Amino acid sequence: MGRYVDIRPDDEGLPAELVLAVGDVVRVAATGGGVRSGTGVEMLGILTEGVVGIDGSVLTPLGPPGAVLFRAREPGRAIVELVSGDPFREPLTRTLAVRVEP
């Protein structure tokens, strides 16, 4: 069974390596990102959070995206790039090494 992993980078940064199992989904609090290299991880999207209104519609606040989703799809290694901060002024780019185990 896959796990949902929520990462909220702080001033101390990210772990040196993130170890996942195939099927895990990772949400990182970031405004952008992507898979720089490797085969074990795929990016599902850069998303803006929303809430369900009383009429069933989805309400989305204005502003930059707040989450990036990745899925561990097969055993292997990948380097993931994450962007945080204001994407239009001084974004901070970090990398995260990911190891996906069977």
PDB file of N, CA and C in Angstrom:
ATOM      1  N   MET A   1       0.843  -1.169   0.000  1.00  0.00           N
ATOM      2  CA  MET A   1       0.000   0.000   0.000  1.00  0.00           C
ATOM      3  C   MET A   1       0.892   1.238   0.000  1.00  0.00           C
ATOM      4  N   GLY A   2       0.591   2.166  -0.853  1.00  0.00           N
ATOM      5  CA  GLY A   2       1.357   3.406  -0.927  1.00  0.00           C
ATOM      6  C   GLY A   2       1.075   4.318   0.254  1.00  0.00           C
ATOM      7  N   ARG A   3       1.989   5.223   0.479  1.00  0.00           N
ATOM      8  CA  ARG A   3       1.855   6.201   1.569  1.00  0.00           C
ATOM      9  C   ARG A   3       1.769   7.601   0.981  1.00  0.00           C
ATOM     10  N   TYR A   4       1.116   8.487   1.723  1.00  0.00           N
ATOM     11  CA  TYR A   4       1.071   9.906   1.390  1.00  0.00           C
ATOM     12  C   TYR A   4       2.081  10.584   2.307  1.00  0.00           C
ATOM     13  N   VAL A   5       3.096  11.214   1.714  1.00  0.00           N
ATOM     14  CA  VAL A   5       4.164  11.851   2.479  1.00  0.00           C
ATOM     15  C   VAL A   5       4.072  13.355   2.250  1.00  0.00           C
ATOM     16  N   ASP A   6       3.967  14.118   3.335  1.00  0.00           N
ATOM     17  CA  ASP A   6       3.836  15.571   3.250  1.00  0.00           C
ATOM     18  C   ASP A   6       5.133  16.204   3.738  1.00  0.00           C
ATOM     19  N   ILE A   7       5.802  16.950   2.864  1.00  0.00           N
ATOM     20  CA  ILE A   7       7.059  17.604   3.218  1.00  0.00           C
ATOM     21  C   ILE A   7       6.852  19.107   3.176  1.00  0.00           C
ATOM     22  N   ARG A   8       7.197  19.739   4.287  1.00  0.00           N
ATOM     23  CA  ARG A   8       7.135  21.193   4.380  1.00  0.00           C
ATOM     24  C   ARG A   8       8.526  21.695   4.739  1.00  0.00           C
ATOM     25  N   PRO A   9       9.327  22.014   3.718  1.00  0.00           N
ATOM     26  CA  PRO A   9      10.696  22.467   4.000  1.00  0.00           C
ATOM     27  C   PRO A   9      10.694  23.702   4.892  1.00  0.00           C
ATOM     28  N   ASP A  10      11.622  23.732   5.832  1.00  0.00           N
ATOM     29  CA  ASP A  10      11.763  24.885   6.711  1.00  0.00           C
ATOM     30  C   ASP A  10      13.165  25.458   6.546  1.00  0.00           C
ATOM     31  N   ASP A  11      13.573  26.266   7.487  1.00  0.00           N
ATOM     32  CA  ASP A  11      14.885  26.897   7.399  1.00  0.00           C
ATOM     33  C   ASP A  11      16.032  25.891   7.436  1.00  0.00           C
ATOM     34  N   GLU A  12      15.783  24.714   8.002  1.00  0.00           N
ATOM     35  CA  GLU A  12      16.828  23.700   8.067  1.00  0.00           C
ATOM     36  C   GLU A  12      16.939  22.916   6.762  1.00  0.00           C
ATOM     37  N   GLY A  13      16.042  23.125   5.848  1.00  0.00           N
ATOM     38  CA  GLY A  13      16.129  22.507   4.539  1.00  0.00           C
ATOM     39  C   GLY A  13      15.491  21.134   4.454  1.00  0.00           C
ATOM     40  N   LEU A  14      16.000  20.360   3.512  1.00  0.00           N
ATOM     41  CA  LEU A  14      15.463  19.049   3.205  1.00  0.00           C
ATOM     42  C   LEU A  14      16.423  17.962   3.677  1.00  0.00           C
ATOM     43  N   PRO A  15      15.949  16.725   3.802  1.00  0.00           N
ATOM     44  CA  PRO A  15      16.874  15.654   4.163  1.00  0.00           C
ATOM     45  C   PRO A  15      17.898  15.427   3.051  1.00  0.00           C
ATOM     46  N   ALA A  16      19.028  14.821   3.408  1.00  0.00           N
ATOM     47  CA  ALA A  16      20.053  14.537   2.401  1.00  0.00           C
ATOM     48  C   ALA A  16      19.516  13.597   1.328  1.00  0.00           C
ATOM     49  N   GLU A  17      18.680  12.637   1.734  1.00  0.00           N
ATOM     50  CA  GLU A  17      18.074  11.695   0.792  1.00  0.00           C
ATOM     51  C   GLU A  17      16.716  11.285   1.326  1.00  0.00           C
ATOM     52  N   LEU A  18      15.737  11.218   0.440  1.00  0.00           N
ATOM     53  CA  LEU A  18      14.402  10.769   0.788  1.00  0.00           C
ATOM     54  C   LEU A  18      14.252   9.354   0.267  1.00  0.00           C
ATOM     55  N   VAL A  19      13.921   8.411   1.154  1.00  0.00           N
ATOM     56  CA  VAL A  19      13.767   7.012   0.767  1.00  0.00           C
ATOM     57  C   VAL A  19      12.278   6.686   0.731  1.00  0.00           C
ATOM     58  N   LEU A  20      11.806   6.280  -0.448  1.00  0.00           N
ATOM     59  CA  LEU A  20      10.391   5.986  -0.661  1.00  0.00           C
ATOM     60  C   LEU A  20      10.214   4.549  -1.114  1.00  0.00           C
ATOM     61  N   ALA A  21       8.980   4.084  -1.095  1.00  0.00           N
ATOM     62  CA  ALA A  21       8.613   2.791  -1.656  1.00  0.00           C
ATOM     63  C   ALA A  21       7.770   3.041  -2.905  1.00  0.00           C
ATOM     64  N   VAL A  22       7.786   2.088  -3.817  1.00  0.00           N
ATOM     65  CA  VAL A  22       6.974   2.210  -5.023  1.00  0.00           C
ATOM     66  C   VAL A  22       5.523   2.424  -4.622  1.00  0.00           C
ATOM     67  N   GLY A  23       4.881   3.397  -5.233  1.00  0.00           N
ATOM     68  CA  GLY A  23       3.486   3.724  -4.943  1.00  0.00           C
ATOM     69  C   GLY A  23       3.296   4.886  -3.994  1.00  0.00           C
ATOM     70  N   ASP A  24       4.358   5.325  -3.315  1.00  0.00           N
ATOM     71  CA  ASP A  24       4.244   6.474  -2.424  1.00  0.00           C
ATOM     72  C   ASP A  24       3.976   7.741  -3.228  1.00  0.00           C
ATOM     73  N   VAL A  25       3.179   8.635  -2.659  1.00  0.00           N
ATOM     74  CA  VAL A  25       2.924   9.947  -3.242  1.00  0.00           C
ATOM     75  C   VAL A  25       3.471  10.990  -2.272  1.00  0.00           C
ATOM     76  N   VAL A  26       4.217  11.948  -2.804  1.00  0.00           N
ATOM     77  CA  VAL A  26       4.858  12.969  -1.981  1.00  0.00           C
ATOM     78  C   VAL A  26       4.307  14.328  -2.356  1.00  0.00           C
ATOM     79  N   ARG A  27       3.880  15.070  -1.342  1.00  0.00           N
ATOM     80  CA  ARG A  27       3.454  16.458  -1.524  1.00  0.00           C
ATOM     81  C   ARG A  27       4.510  17.331  -0.865  1.00  0.00           C
ATOM     82  N   VAL A  28       5.070  18.255  -1.648  1.00  0.00           N
ATOM     83  CA  VAL A  28       6.065  19.174  -1.117  1.00  0.00           C
ATOM     84  C   VAL A  28       5.489  20.577  -1.181  1.00  0.00           C
ATOM     85  N   ALA A  29       5.567  21.301  -0.067  1.00  0.00           N
ATOM     86  CA  ALA A  29       5.140  22.695  -0.050  1.00  0.00           C
ATOM     87  C   ALA A  29       6.159  23.492  -0.845  1.00  0.00           C
ATOM     88  N   ALA A  30       5.805  23.832  -2.069  1.00  0.00           N
ATOM     89  CA  ALA A  30       6.697  24.551  -2.973  1.00  0.00           C
ATOM     90  C   ALA A  30       5.849  25.222  -4.049  1.00  0.00           C
ATOM     91  N   THR A  31       6.436  26.184  -4.739  1.00  0.00           N
ATOM     92  CA  THR A  31       5.710  26.883  -5.799  1.00  0.00           C
ATOM     93  C   THR A  31       6.017  26.324  -7.187  1.00  0.00           C
ATOM     94  N   GLY A  32       6.972  25.412  -7.269  1.00  0.00           N
ATOM     95  CA  GLY A  32       7.314  24.812  -8.544  1.00  0.00           C
ATOM     96  C   GLY A  32       8.338  23.713  -8.356  1.00  0.00           C
ATOM     97  N   GLY A  33       8.672  23.060  -9.452  1.00  0.00           N
ATOM     98  CA  GLY A  33       9.668  22.008  -9.373  1.00  0.00           C
ATOM     99  C   GLY A  33       9.595  21.078 -10.554  1.00  0.00           C
ATOM    100  N   GLY A  34      10.388  20.027 -10.483  1.00  0.00           N
ATOM    101  CA  GLY A  34      10.405  19.036 -11.540  1.00  0.00           C
ATOM    102  C   GLY A  34      11.433  17.969 -11.233  1.00  0.00           C
ATOM    103  N   VAL A  35      11.414  16.907 -12.039  1.00  0.00           N
ATOM    104  CA  VAL A  35      12.397  15.850 -11.915  1.00  0.00           C
ATOM    105  C   VAL A  35      13.560  16.209 -12.827  1.00  0.00           C
ATOM    106  N   ARG A  36      14.721  16.481 -12.228  1.00  0.00           N
ATOM    107  CA  ARG A  36      15.888  16.879 -13.008  1.00  0.00           C
ATOM    108  C   ARG A  36      16.517  15.682 -13.706  1.00  0.00           C
ATOM    109  N   SER A  37      16.640  14.559 -12.992  1.00  0.00           N
ATOM    110  CA  SER A  37      17.224  13.361 -13.588  1.00  0.00           C
ATOM    111  C   SER A  37      16.737  12.142 -12.837  1.00  0.00           C
ATOM    112  N   GLY A  38      16.866  10.985 -13.453  1.00  0.00           N
ATOM    113  CA  GLY A  38      16.496   9.737 -12.817  1.00  0.00           C
ATOM    114  C   GLY A  38      15.210   9.161 -13.353  1.00  0.00           C
ATOM    115  N   THR A  39      14.906   7.954 -12.875  1.00  0.00           N
ATOM    116  CA  THR A  39      13.757   7.229 -13.409  1.00  0.00           C
ATOM    117  C   THR A  39      12.744   6.798 -12.367  1.00  0.00           C
ATOM    118  N   GLY A  40      13.071   6.880 -11.085  1.00  0.00           N
ATOM    119  CA  GLY A  40      12.193   6.319 -10.069  1.00  0.00           C
ATOM    120  C   GLY A  40      10.997   7.166  -9.710  1.00  0.00           C
ATOM    121  N   VAL A  41      10.995   8.448 -10.090  1.00  0.00           N
ATOM    122  CA  VAL A  41       9.965   9.383  -9.634  1.00  0.00           C
ATOM    123  C   VAL A  41       9.367  10.116 -10.831  1.00  0.00           C
ATOM    124  N   GLU A  42       8.061  10.353 -10.770  1.00  0.00           N
ATOM    125  CA  GLU A  42       7.417  11.194 -11.784  1.00  0.00           C
ATOM    126  C   GLU A  42       6.691  12.335 -11.090  1.00  0.00           C
ATOM    127  N   MET A  43       6.691  13.490 -11.719  1.00  0.00           N
ATOM    128  CA  MET A  43       5.966  14.632 -11.176  1.00  0.00           C
ATOM    129  C   MET A  43       4.527  14.551 -11.645  1.00  0.00           C
ATOM    130  N   LEU A  44       3.589  14.663 -10.699  1.00  0.00           N
ATOM    131  CA  LEU A  44       2.169  14.630 -11.038  1.00  0.00           C
ATOM    132  C   LEU A  44       1.615  16.010 -11.333  1.00  0.00           C
ATOM    133  N   GLY A  45       2.244  17.042 -10.770  1.00  0.00           N
ATOM    134  CA  GLY A  45       1.774  18.379 -11.076  1.00  0.00           C
ATOM    135  C   GLY A  45       2.163  19.411 -10.044  1.00  0.00           C
ATOM    136  N   ILE A  46       2.050  20.667 -10.458  1.00  0.00           N
ATOM    137  CA  ILE A  46       2.229  21.822  -9.586  1.00  0.00           C
ATOM    138  C   ILE A  46       0.823  22.344  -9.339  1.00  0.00           C
ATOM    139  N   LEU A  47       0.427  22.403  -8.075  1.00  0.00           N
ATOM    140  CA  LEU A  47      -0.981  22.628  -7.758  1.00  0.00           C
ATOM    141  C   LEU A  47      -1.216  23.809  -6.834  1.00  0.00           C
ATOM    142  N   THR A  48      -2.397  24.366  -6.965  1.00  0.00           N
ATOM    143  CA  THR A  48      -2.907  25.370  -6.045  1.00  0.00           C
ATOM    144  C   THR A  48      -3.983  24.702  -5.205  1.00  0.00           C
ATOM    145  N   GLU A  49      -3.966  24.939  -3.907  1.00  0.00           N
ATOM    146  CA  GLU A  49      -4.957  24.316  -3.035  1.00  0.00           C
ATOM    147  C   GLU A  49      -6.332  24.931  -3.262  1.00  0.00           C
ATOM    148  N   GLY A  50      -7.341  24.130  -3.045  1.00  0.00           N
ATOM    149  CA  GLY A  50      -8.705  24.596  -3.169  1.00  0.00           C
ATOM    150  C   GLY A  50      -9.579  23.948  -2.106  1.00  0.00           C
ATOM    151  N   VAL A  51     -10.749  24.511  -1.895  1.00  0.00           N
ATOM    152  CA  VAL A  51     -11.710  23.954  -0.947  1.00  0.00           C
ATOM    153  C   VAL A  51     -13.051  23.806  -1.643  1.00  0.00           C
ATOM    154  N   VAL A  52     -13.864  22.895  -1.139  1.00  0.00           N
ATOM    155  CA  VAL A  52     -15.185  22.668  -1.718  1.00  0.00           C
ATOM    156  C   VAL A  52     -16.180  23.616  -1.065  1.00  0.00           C
ATOM    157  N   GLY A  53     -16.896  24.372  -1.901  1.00  0.00           N
ATOM    158  CA  GLY A  53     -17.915  25.284  -1.408  1.00  0.00           C
ATOM    159  C   GLY A  53     -19.197  24.549  -1.069  1.00  0.00           C
ATOM    160  N   ILE A  54     -20.136  25.251  -0.469  1.00  0.00           N
ATOM    161  CA  ILE A  54     -21.393  24.610  -0.048  1.00  0.00           C
ATOM    162  C   ILE A  54     -22.240  24.150  -1.234  1.00  0.00           C
ATOM    163  N   ASP A  55     -21.974  24.716  -2.426  1.00  0.00           N
ATOM    164  CA  ASP A  55     -22.718  24.306  -3.612  1.00  0.00           C
ATOM    165  C   ASP A  55     -21.998  23.215  -4.404  1.00  0.00           C
ATOM    166  N   GLY A  56     -20.875  22.726  -3.858  1.00  0.00           N
ATOM    167  CA  GLY A  56     -20.127  21.667  -4.535  1.00  0.00           C
ATOM    168  C   GLY A  56     -19.043  22.159  -5.469  1.00  0.00           C
ATOM    169  N   SER A  57     -18.966  23.456  -5.694  1.00  0.00           N
ATOM    170  CA  SER A  57     -17.917  23.989  -6.559  1.00  0.00           C
ATOM    171  C   SER A  57     -16.603  24.070  -5.776  1.00  0.00           C
ATOM    172  N   VAL A  58     -15.492  24.087  -6.511  1.00  0.00           N
ATOM    173  CA  VAL A  58     -14.179  24.190  -5.881  1.00  0.00           C
ATOM    174  C   VAL A  58     -13.729  25.646  -5.920  1.00  0.00           C
ATOM    175  N   LEU A  59     -13.393  26.197  -4.758  1.00  0.00           N
ATOM    176  CA  LEU A  59     -12.945  27.575  -4.637  1.00  0.00           C
ATOM    177  C   LEU A  59     -11.422  27.582  -4.515  1.00  0.00           C
ATOM    178  N   THR A  60     -10.788  28.443  -5.296  1.00  0.00           N
ATOM    179  CA  THR A  60      -9.331  28.516  -5.319  1.00  0.00           C
ATOM    180  C   THR A  60      -8.894  29.947  -5.027  1.00  0.00           C
ATOM    181  N   PRO A  61      -8.001  30.129  -4.041  1.00  0.00           N
ATOM    182  CA  PRO A  61      -7.523  31.480  -3.753  1.00  0.00           C
ATOM    183  C   PRO A  61      -6.575  31.968  -4.844  1.00  0.00           C
ATOM    184  N   LEU A  62      -6.466  33.290  -4.973  1.00  0.00           N
ATOM    185  CA  LEU A  62      -5.505  33.861  -5.911  1.00  0.00           C
ATOM    186  C   LEU A  62      -4.098  33.713  -5.343  1.00  0.00           C
ATOM    187  N   GLY A  63      -3.123  33.676  -6.210  1.00  0.00           N
ATOM    188  CA  GLY A  63      -1.746  33.587  -5.761  1.00  0.00           C
ATOM    189  C   GLY A  63      -1.007  32.454  -6.432  1.00  0.00           C
ATOM    190  N   PRO A  64       0.266  32.323  -6.092  1.00  0.00           N
ATOM    191  CA  PRO A  64       1.078  31.278  -6.723  1.00  0.00           C
ATOM    192  C   PRO A  64       0.676  29.897  -6.221  1.00  0.00           C
ATOM    193  N   PRO A  65       1.075  28.862  -6.941  1.00  0.00           N
ATOM    194  CA  PRO A  65       0.796  27.509  -6.472  1.00  0.00           C
ATOM    195  C   PRO A  65       1.484  27.260  -5.140  1.00  0.00           C
ATOM    196  N   GLY A  66       1.013  26.246  -4.414  1.00  0.00           N
ATOM    197  CA  GLY A  66       1.570  25.985  -3.096  1.00  0.00           C
ATOM    198  C   GLY A  66       2.041  24.569  -2.870  1.00  0.00           C
ATOM    199  N   ALA A  67       1.898  23.706  -3.878  1.00  0.00           N
ATOM    200  CA  ALA A  67       2.282  22.305  -3.672  1.00  0.00           C
ATOM    201  C   ALA A  67       2.742  21.679  -4.984  1.00  0.00           C
ATOM    202  N   VAL A  68       3.694  20.771  -4.843  1.00  0.00           N
ATOM    203  CA  VAL A  68       4.149  19.961  -5.967  1.00  0.00           C
ATOM    204  C   VAL A  68       3.958  18.505  -5.564  1.00  0.00           C
ATOM    205  N   LEU A  69       3.350  17.704  -6.456  1.00  0.00           N
ATOM    206  CA  LEU A  69       3.122  16.295  -6.178  1.00  0.00           C
ATOM    207  C   LEU A  69       4.039  15.419  -7.027  1.00  0.00           C
ATOM    208  N   PHE A  70       4.621  14.419  -6.371  1.00  0.00           N
ATOM    209  CA  PHE A  70       5.463  13.434  -7.040  1.00  0.00           C
ATOM    210  C   PHE A  70       4.963  12.045  -6.671  1.00  0.00           C
ATOM    211  N   ARG A  71       5.213  11.081  -7.550  1.00  0.00           N
ATOM    212  CA  ARG A  71       4.862   9.687  -7.268  1.00  0.00           C
ATOM    213  C   ARG A  71       6.077   8.815  -7.501  1.00  0.00           C
ATOM    214  N   ALA A  72       6.340   7.920  -6.542  1.00  0.00           N
ATOM    215  CA  ALA A  72       7.410   6.945  -6.693  1.00  0.00           C
ATOM    216  C   ALA A  72       6.867   5.816  -7.567  1.00  0.00           C
ATOM    217  N   ARG A  73       7.329   5.718  -8.800  1.00  0.00           N
ATOM    218  CA  ARG A  73       6.709   4.783  -9.735  1.00  0.00           C
ATOM    219  C   ARG A  73       7.467   3.492  -9.947  1.00  0.00           C
ATOM    220  N   GLU A  74       8.785   3.493  -9.721  1.00  0.00           N
ATOM    221  CA  GLU A  74       9.570   2.278  -9.905  1.00  0.00           C
ATOM    222  C   GLU A  74      10.866   2.397  -9.107  1.00  0.00           C
ATOM    223  N   PRO A  75      11.483   1.261  -8.763  1.00  0.00           N
ATOM    224  CA  PRO A  75      12.746   1.334  -8.036  1.00  0.00           C
ATOM    225  C   PRO A  75      13.791   2.109  -8.833  1.00  0.00           C
ATOM    226  N   GLY A  76      14.558   2.921  -8.143  1.00  0.00           N
ATOM    227  CA  GLY A  76      15.598   3.702  -8.802  1.00  0.00           C
ATOM    228  C   GLY A  76      15.922   4.945  -8.002  1.00  0.00           C
ATOM    229  N   ARG A  77      16.656   5.804  -8.638  1.00  0.00           N
ATOM    230  CA  ARG A  77      17.066   7.061  -8.001  1.00  0.00           C
ATOM    231  C   ARG A  77      16.669   8.228  -8.905  1.00  0.00           C
ATOM    232  N   ALA A  78      16.446   9.365  -8.256  1.00  0.00           N
ATOM    233  CA  ALA A  78      16.103  10.574  -9.011  1.00  0.00           C
ATOM    234  C   ALA A  78      16.591  11.791  -8.234  1.00  0.00           C
ATOM    235  N   ILE A  79      16.784  12.857  -8.966  1.00  0.00           N
ATOM    236  CA  ILE A  79      17.073  14.161  -8.375  1.00  0.00           C
ATOM    237  C   ILE A  79      15.882  15.050  -8.700  1.00  0.00           C
ATOM    238  N   VAL A  80      15.260  15.572  -7.651  1.00  0.00           N
ATOM    239  CA  VAL A  80      14.085  16.420  -7.791  1.00  0.00           C
ATOM    240  C   VAL A  80      14.487  17.851  -7.472  1.00  0.00           C
ATOM    241  N   GLU A  81      14.031  18.773  -8.293  1.00  0.00           N
ATOM    242  CA  GLU A  81      14.291  20.191  -8.075  1.00  0.00           C
ATOM    243  C   GLU A  81      13.029  20.841  -7.549  1.00  0.00           C
ATOM    244  N   LEU A  82      13.153  21.651  -6.494  1.00  0.00           N
ATOM    245  CA  LEU A  82      12.009  22.306  -5.873  1.00  0.00           C
ATOM    246  C   LEU A  82      12.240  23.804  -5.819  1.00  0.00           C
ATOM    247  N   VAL A  83      11.216  24.570  -6.128  1.00  0.00           N
ATOM    248  CA  VAL A  83      11.285  26.027  -6.087  1.00  0.00           C
ATOM    249  C   VAL A  83      10.327  26.509  -5.015  1.00  0.00           C
ATOM    250  N   SER A  84      10.800  27.378  -4.146  1.00  0.00           N
ATOM    251  CA  SER A  84       9.938  27.942  -3.115  1.00  0.00           C
ATOM    252  C   SER A  84      10.121  29.447  -3.080  1.00  0.00           C
ATOM    253  N   GLY A  85       9.295  30.106  -2.282  1.00  0.00           N
ATOM    254  CA  GLY A  85       9.336  31.557  -2.231  1.00  0.00           C
ATOM    255  C   GLY A  85       8.483  32.156  -3.332  1.00  0.00           C
ATOM    256  N   ASP A  86       8.641  33.422  -3.552  1.00  0.00           N
ATOM    257  CA  ASP A  86       7.882  34.121  -4.583  1.00  0.00           C
ATOM    258  C   ASP A  86       8.478  33.783  -5.948  1.00  0.00           C
ATOM    259  N   PRO A  87       7.707  33.108  -6.813  1.00  0.00           N
ATOM    260  CA  PRO A  87       8.264  32.701  -8.108  1.00  0.00           C
ATOM    261  C   PRO A  87       8.579  33.871  -9.044  1.00  0.00           C
ATOM    262  N   PHE A  88       8.097  35.091  -8.711  1.00  0.00           N
ATOM    263  CA  PHE A  88       8.306  36.236  -9.593  1.00  0.00           C
ATOM    264  C   PHE A  88       9.429  37.154  -9.125  1.00  0.00           C
ATOM    265  N   ARG A  89       9.922  36.963  -7.898  1.00  0.00           N
ATOM    266  CA  ARG A  89      10.959  37.853  -7.386  1.00  0.00           C
ATOM    267  C   ARG A  89      12.242  37.101  -7.080  1.00  0.00           C
ATOM    268  N   GLU A  90      12.329  36.528  -5.896  1.00  0.00           N
ATOM    269  CA  GLU A  90      13.551  35.847  -5.489  1.00  0.00           C
ATOM    270  C   GLU A  90      13.250  34.401  -5.118  1.00  0.00           C
ATOM    271  N   PRO A  91      13.046  33.539  -6.117  1.00  0.00           N
ATOM    272  CA  PRO A  91      12.762  32.142  -5.785  1.00  0.00           C
ATOM    273  C   PRO A  91      14.013  31.439  -5.250  1.00  0.00           C
ATOM    274  N   LEU A  92      13.782  30.457  -4.394  1.00  0.00           N
ATOM    275  CA  LEU A  92      14.849  29.640  -3.843  1.00  0.00           C
ATOM    276  C   LEU A  92      14.715  28.253  -4.450  1.00  0.00           C
ATOM    277  N   THR A  93      15.767  27.785  -5.107  1.00  0.00           N
ATOM    278  CA  THR A  93      15.743  26.467  -5.725  1.00  0.00           C
ATOM    279  C   THR A  93      16.589  25.504  -4.898  1.00  0.00           C
ATOM    280  N   ARG A  94      15.999  24.359  -4.567  1.00  0.00           N
ATOM    281  CA  ARG A  94      16.684  23.322  -3.792  1.00  0.00           C
ATOM    282  C   ARG A  94      16.579  22.006  -4.550  1.00  0.00           C
ATOM    283  N   THR A  95      17.513  21.104  -4.289  1.00  0.00           N
ATOM    284  CA  THR A  95      17.425  19.785  -4.881  1.00  0.00           C
ATOM    285  C   THR A  95      17.251  18.741  -3.790  1.00  0.00           C
ATOM    286  N   LEU A  96      16.597  17.659  -4.132  1.00  0.00           N
ATOM    287  CA  LEU A  96      16.342  16.570  -3.215  1.00  0.00           C
ATOM    288  C   LEU A  96      16.668  15.268  -3.917  1.00  0.00           C
ATOM    289  N   ALA A  97      17.565  14.486  -3.316  1.00  0.00           N
ATOM    290  CA  ALA A  97      17.875  13.161  -3.833  1.00  0.00           C
ATOM    291  C   ALA A  97      16.814  12.194  -3.331  1.00  0.00           C
ATOM    292  N   VAL A  98      16.280  11.381  -4.234  1.00  0.00           N
ATOM    293  CA  VAL A  98      15.225  10.432  -3.884  1.00  0.00           C
ATOM    294  C   VAL A  98      15.673   9.032  -4.288  1.00  0.00           C
ATOM    295  N   ARG A  99      15.510   8.082  -3.369  1.00  0.00           N
ATOM    296  CA  ARG A  99      15.766   6.682  -3.661  1.00  0.00           C
ATOM    297  C   ARG A  99      14.449   5.931  -3.495  1.00  0.00           C
ATOM    298  N   VAL A 100      14.042   5.221  -4.533  1.00  0.00           N
ATOM    299  CA  VAL A 100      12.797   4.459  -4.488  1.00  0.00           C
ATOM    300  C   VAL A 100      13.155   2.985  -4.388  1.00  0.00           C
ATOM    301  N   GLU A 101      12.649   2.360  -3.327  1.00  0.00           N
ATOM    302  CA  GLU A 101      12.897   0.931  -3.111  1.00  0.00           C
ATOM    303  C   GLU A 101      11.654   0.147  -3.492  1.00  0.00           C
ATOM    304  N   PRO A 102      11.833  -1.129  -3.845  1.00  0.00           N
ATOM    305  CA  PRO A 102      10.669  -1.949  -4.231  1.00  0.00           C
ATOM    306  C   PRO A 102       9.681  -2.136  -3.090  1.00  0.00           C
TER     307      PRO A 102
END
